[in-house]
Amino acid sequence: MIHWMFNCKEVSKKVSQSMDASLPVHHRLMITIHLLMCKYCSRFKKQLLIIKKAVRIEKPAEDDPCQTASLSKATRERIKKAVKEEPP
């Protein structure tokens, strides 16, 4: 049986996908309807937007000394190594 509306689990996946790619119109409509009725999914979408905004990487201006310097190569390698290691 095909349902005309997504459940919360489906909406959370679709909202996450919508951050990376455009969704079909009927999916966006079903998500919008669900978000109007579900405060938890609406809150989840707002949280994703906040996270997306917080981690947005912008290229610093080369002539602006106030911009944060990029990570050194050694630091990047150390982070890569830590991420690849499996937790205990």
N, C-alpha and C. Protein backbone atom coordinates (compact mmCIF):
# COMPACT_ATOMS: atom_id res chain seq x y z
N MET A 1 0.84 -1.18 0.00
CA MET A 1 0.00 0.00 0.00
C MET A 1 0.88 1.24 0.00
N ILE A 2 0.61 2.16 -0.90
CA ILE A 2 1.39 3.39 -1.00
C ILE A 2 0.71 4.48 -0.18
N HIS A 3 1.51 5.11 0.66
CA HIS A 3 0.98 6.19 1.50
C HIS A 3 1.21 7.52 0.79
N TRP A 4 0.33 8.45 1.01
CA TRP A 4 0.42 9.75 0.35
C TRP A 4 1.34 10.71 1.11
N MET A 5 1.76 10.31 2.32
CA MET A 5 2.60 11.21 3.11
C MET A 5 3.75 10.42 3.75
N PHE A 6 4.90 11.07 3.89
CA PHE A 6 6.06 10.44 4.52
C PHE A 6 5.87 10.37 6.04
N ASN A 7 6.49 9.37 6.66
CA ASN A 7 6.53 9.32 8.13
C ASN A 7 7.80 10.07 8.58
N CYS A 8 7.99 10.19 9.88
CA CYS A 8 9.11 10.97 10.42
C CYS A 8 10.46 10.43 9.95
N LYS A 9 10.62 9.12 9.92
CA LYS A 9 11.88 8.53 9.49
C LYS A 9 12.19 8.90 8.04
N GLU A 10 11.20 8.81 7.19
CA GLU A 10 11.38 9.15 5.78
C GLU A 10 11.66 10.64 5.61
N VAL A 11 10.96 11.47 6.38
CA VAL A 11 11.16 12.92 6.29
C VAL A 11 12.57 13.29 6.71
N SER A 12 13.08 12.68 7.77
CA SER A 12 14.43 13.01 8.22
C SER A 12 15.46 12.65 7.14
N LYS A 13 15.27 11.52 6.47
CA LYS A 13 16.18 11.14 5.38
C LYS A 13 16.06 12.11 4.21
N LYS A 14 14.83 12.45 3.85
CA LYS A 14 14.61 13.34 2.70
C LYS A 14 15.11 14.76 2.98
N VAL A 15 14.93 15.23 4.20
CA VAL A 15 15.42 16.57 4.56
C VAL A 15 16.94 16.59 4.46
N SER A 16 17.58 15.53 4.93
CA SER A 16 19.03 15.44 4.83
C SER A 16 19.47 15.39 3.37
N GLN A 17 18.78 14.62 2.56
CA GLN A 17 19.11 14.54 1.13
C GLN A 17 18.91 15.88 0.44
N SER A 18 17.91 16.62 0.88
CA SER A 18 17.62 17.91 0.24
C SER A 18 18.72 18.94 0.48
N MET A 19 19.56 18.70 1.49
CA MET A 19 20.68 19.61 1.75
C MET A 19 21.76 19.45 0.68
N ASP A 20 21.80 18.27 0.03
CA ASP A 20 22.83 17.99 -0.95
C ASP A 20 22.35 18.05 -2.39
N ALA A 21 21.07 17.77 -2.61
CA ALA A 21 20.55 17.73 -3.97
C ALA A 21 19.09 18.14 -3.98
N SER A 22 18.63 18.54 -5.14
CA SER A 22 17.24 18.93 -5.29
C SER A 22 16.35 17.69 -5.34
N LEU A 23 15.23 17.74 -4.64
CA LEU A 23 14.28 16.63 -4.63
C LEU A 23 13.14 16.91 -5.60
N PRO A 24 12.46 15.86 -6.03
CA PRO A 24 11.29 16.06 -6.91
C PRO A 24 10.22 16.91 -6.20
N VAL A 25 9.41 17.58 -6.99
CA VAL A 25 8.40 18.49 -6.46
C VAL A 25 7.44 17.77 -5.50
N HIS A 26 7.00 16.58 -5.85
CA HIS A 26 6.04 15.88 -5.00
C HIS A 26 6.67 15.49 -3.66
N HIS A 27 7.98 15.21 -3.63
CA HIS A 27 8.64 14.93 -2.35
C HIS A 27 8.72 16.19 -1.50
N ARG A 28 9.08 17.30 -2.14
CA ARG A 28 9.16 18.57 -1.39
C ARG A 28 7.80 18.94 -0.82
N LEU A 29 6.75 18.69 -1.57
CA LEU A 29 5.40 18.99 -1.10
C LEU A 29 5.03 18.12 0.10
N MET A 30 5.31 16.83 0.00
CA MET A 30 4.99 15.94 1.12
C MET A 30 5.81 16.29 2.37
N ILE A 31 7.06 16.68 2.18
CA ILE A 31 7.89 17.09 3.31
C ILE A 31 7.32 18.35 3.94
N THR A 32 6.95 19.32 3.13
CA THR A 32 6.40 20.58 3.63
C THR A 32 5.13 20.33 4.45
N ILE A 33 4.25 19.50 3.94
CA ILE A 33 3.02 19.17 4.66
C ILE A 33 3.34 18.52 6.00
N HIS A 34 4.28 17.58 5.97
CA HIS A 34 4.66 16.89 7.21
C HIS A 34 5.27 17.88 8.21
N LEU A 35 6.14 18.77 7.72
CA LEU A 35 6.79 19.73 8.62
C LEU A 35 5.79 20.70 9.24
N LEU A 36 4.72 20.99 8.55
CA LEU A 36 3.69 21.86 9.12
C LEU A 36 2.96 21.19 10.28
N MET A 37 2.93 19.87 10.26
CA MET A 37 2.20 19.13 11.30
C MET A 37 3.11 18.56 12.40
N CYS A 38 4.38 18.40 12.12
CA CYS A 38 5.27 17.72 13.06
C CYS A 38 6.35 18.66 13.58
N LYS A 39 6.24 19.05 14.84
CA LYS A 39 7.21 19.99 15.39
C LYS A 39 8.59 19.36 15.55
N TYR A 40 8.66 18.05 15.70
CA TYR A 40 9.95 17.38 15.89
C TYR A 40 10.76 17.36 14.60
N CYS A 41 10.11 17.04 13.50
CA CYS A 41 10.80 17.05 12.21
C CYS A 41 11.15 18.48 11.79
N SER A 42 10.28 19.41 12.10
CA SER A 42 10.57 20.81 11.81
C SER A 42 11.80 21.27 12.59
N ARG A 43 11.88 20.87 13.84
CA ARG A 43 13.03 21.21 14.68
C ARG A 43 14.30 20.55 14.12
N PHE A 44 14.17 19.30 13.66
CA PHE A 44 15.31 18.60 13.07
C PHE A 44 15.84 19.34 11.84
N LYS A 45 14.93 19.80 10.99
CA LYS A 45 15.36 20.53 9.79
C LYS A 45 16.07 21.82 10.18
N LYS A 46 15.55 22.54 11.17
CA LYS A 46 16.20 23.77 11.62
C LYS A 46 17.60 23.47 12.16
N GLN A 47 17.74 22.36 12.89
CA GLN A 47 19.05 21.99 13.43
C GLN A 47 20.03 21.67 12.31
N LEU A 48 19.57 20.97 11.28
CA LEU A 48 20.45 20.67 10.14
C LEU A 48 20.90 21.95 9.45
N LEU A 49 19.99 22.90 9.30
CA LEU A 49 20.35 24.17 8.67
C LEU A 49 21.38 24.92 9.49
N ILE A 50 21.25 24.88 10.82
CA ILE A 50 22.22 25.53 11.70
C ILE A 50 23.59 24.86 11.56
N ILE A 51 23.60 23.52 11.54
CA ILE A 51 24.86 22.79 11.40
C ILE A 51 25.50 23.10 10.05
N LYS A 52 24.69 23.11 9.00
CA LYS A 52 25.20 23.41 7.66
C LYS A 52 25.84 24.79 7.62
N LYS A 53 25.18 25.74 8.24
CA LYS A 53 25.71 27.11 8.27
C LYS A 53 26.99 27.18 9.09
N ALA A 54 27.04 26.43 10.20
CA ALA A 54 28.21 26.47 11.08
C ALA A 54 29.45 25.85 10.46
N VAL A 55 29.26 24.84 9.64
CA VAL A 55 30.43 24.14 9.08
C VAL A 55 30.76 24.57 7.66
N ARG A 56 30.03 25.53 7.16
CA ARG A 56 30.31 26.01 5.81
C ARG A 56 31.75 26.49 5.75
N ILE A 57 32.47 25.98 4.78
CA ILE A 57 33.88 26.33 4.62
C ILE A 57 33.99 27.42 3.57
N GLU A 58 34.56 28.51 3.99
CA GLU A 58 34.75 29.62 3.06
C GLU A 58 36.24 29.88 2.92
N LYS A 59 36.65 30.16 1.71
CA LYS A 59 38.05 30.45 1.45
C LYS A 59 38.39 31.82 2.05
N PRO A 60 39.39 31.86 2.95
CA PRO A 60 39.75 33.16 3.54
C PRO A 60 40.41 34.07 2.52
N ALA A 61 40.17 35.33 2.70
CA ALA A 61 40.80 36.32 1.82
C ALA A 61 42.29 36.34 2.11
N GLU A 62 43.10 36.31 1.08
CA GLU A 62 44.55 36.25 1.26
C GLU A 62 45.13 37.52 1.87
N ASP A 63 44.50 38.65 1.62
CA ASP A 63 45.03 39.92 2.13
C ASP A 63 44.41 40.33 3.47
N ASP A 64 43.56 39.47 4.04
CA ASP A 64 42.90 39.79 5.31
C ASP A 64 43.57 39.03 6.45
N PRO A 65 44.38 39.70 7.29
CA PRO A 65 45.08 39.02 8.38
C PRO A 65 44.14 38.55 9.49
N CYS A 66 42.90 39.02 9.49
CA CYS A 66 41.94 38.63 10.54
C CYS A 66 41.34 37.25 10.28
N GLN A 67 41.49 36.74 9.07
CA GLN A 67 40.94 35.43 8.73
C GLN A 67 41.75 34.34 9.44
N THR A 68 41.07 33.28 9.81
CA THR A 68 41.72 32.16 10.47
C THR A 68 42.64 31.46 9.48
N ALA A 69 43.85 31.14 9.93
CA ALA A 69 44.80 30.42 9.09
C ALA A 69 44.34 28.98 8.91
N SER A 70 44.70 28.38 7.79
CA SER A 70 44.32 26.99 7.55
C SER A 70 45.20 26.07 8.39
N LEU A 71 44.76 24.82 8.49
CA LEU A 71 45.50 23.84 9.27
C LEU A 71 46.79 23.46 8.57
N SER A 72 47.80 23.17 9.37
CA SER A 72 49.06 22.71 8.79
C SER A 72 48.89 21.31 8.24
N LYS A 73 49.80 20.90 7.39
CA LYS A 73 49.73 19.57 6.79
C LYS A 73 49.82 18.49 7.87
N ALA A 74 50.68 18.69 8.87
CA ALA A 74 50.84 17.71 9.94
C ALA A 74 49.54 17.56 10.74
N THR A 75 48.87 18.67 10.99
CA THR A 75 47.61 18.63 11.74
C THR A 75 46.54 17.91 10.93
N ARG A 76 46.47 18.19 9.63
CA ARG A 76 45.49 17.49 8.78
C ARG A 76 45.73 16.00 8.76
N GLU A 77 47.01 15.59 8.69
CA GLU A 77 47.33 14.16 8.69
C GLU A 77 46.96 13.51 10.02
N ARG A 78 47.21 14.23 11.12
CA ARG A 78 46.86 13.70 12.44
C ARG A 78 45.35 13.52 12.57
N ILE A 79 44.58 14.44 12.04
CA ILE A 79 43.11 14.34 12.08
C ILE A 79 42.65 13.17 11.21
N LYS A 80 43.23 13.03 10.02
CA LYS A 80 42.88 11.91 9.15
C LYS A 80 43.13 10.58 9.84
N LYS A 81 44.28 10.48 10.50
CA LYS A 81 44.65 9.24 11.20
C LYS A 81 43.65 8.95 12.32
N ALA A 82 43.28 9.98 13.07
CA ALA A 82 42.34 9.80 14.19
C ALA A 82 40.96 9.38 13.69
N VAL A 83 40.55 9.91 12.56
CA VAL A 83 39.24 9.58 12.01
C VAL A 83 39.22 8.14 11.50
N LYS A 84 40.33 7.70 10.90
CA LYS A 84 40.39 6.34 10.35
C LYS A 84 40.44 5.27 11.44
N GLU A 85 41.01 5.62 12.60
CA GLU A 85 41.10 4.64 13.69
C GLU A 85 39.70 4.33 14.21
N GLU A 86 39.46 3.08 14.46
CA GLU A 86 38.15 2.66 14.98
C GLU A 86 38.11 2.92 16.47
N PRO A 87 36.94 3.33 16.98
CA PRO A 87 36.80 3.57 18.43
C PRO A 87 36.92 2.24 19.18
N PRO A 88 37.36 2.30 20.45
CA PRO A 88 37.52 1.07 21.24
C PRO A 88 36.22 0.37 21.51
